[in-house]
């Protein structure tokens, strides 16, 4: 089964679970939808909204991917990046499916540290994305899209190879460390690990371009 079909299957199951659970809960039931950095709930939504949000985003993501080829100027490159694109979508869909599972667990009375679960899954998603970034080809929708990566395929390849490694390392660090530190430091953990992983490839892309410019003179 290819990744696209797996994404469709997870989305369908999640939507069916959401629709079923809506029929099982009181109409006035509220579920937490946001936690602060200390793990305290600071926002609620009605159960139907909370339950339908994850599968709704999944459906929107799949629809977006289905029309990207009509919007992308570099269609051939996007086709060559198909596996990576669907894998990145899988990472997001997996995160949303776990979120849905968390809501179901809360409804049935289980005690979960949802904020930790979400942070852990963010780390897993980063590792999945990092594993596939180097397999993308130059396009305007997926990847590290700087002026320099978009104008030079070699720049794109090297930048995404570095970005992939950084995302995998930071993702692993986030998914492990989130269980070991106090909740008050979770925000700093994410910012301290993820932000450099996102910014460094862009600086590297510029450096590659600058080096090539200097060599050409």
Foldseek 3Di string as FASTA:
>chain_A
DALLVVLVVLLVVLQVVLVVVCVVDDQADKDADDADLQLHGDDIDGSSCQSVVLSVVSVVLSVCLVCVLVVKPPNVLVVQLVRLSSQLSSLSSVLSSVSNVVSVCVVVPDDDSVVLVSQLSQLVSLLSNLVRQLSGFQIDPDHLDDPQVNVDRVLSNVLSPQLSVLSNVLSVCRNPCSVVDRSNCNVVSCCVRVVCSNVVSVVVSVVVVVVVVVVVD
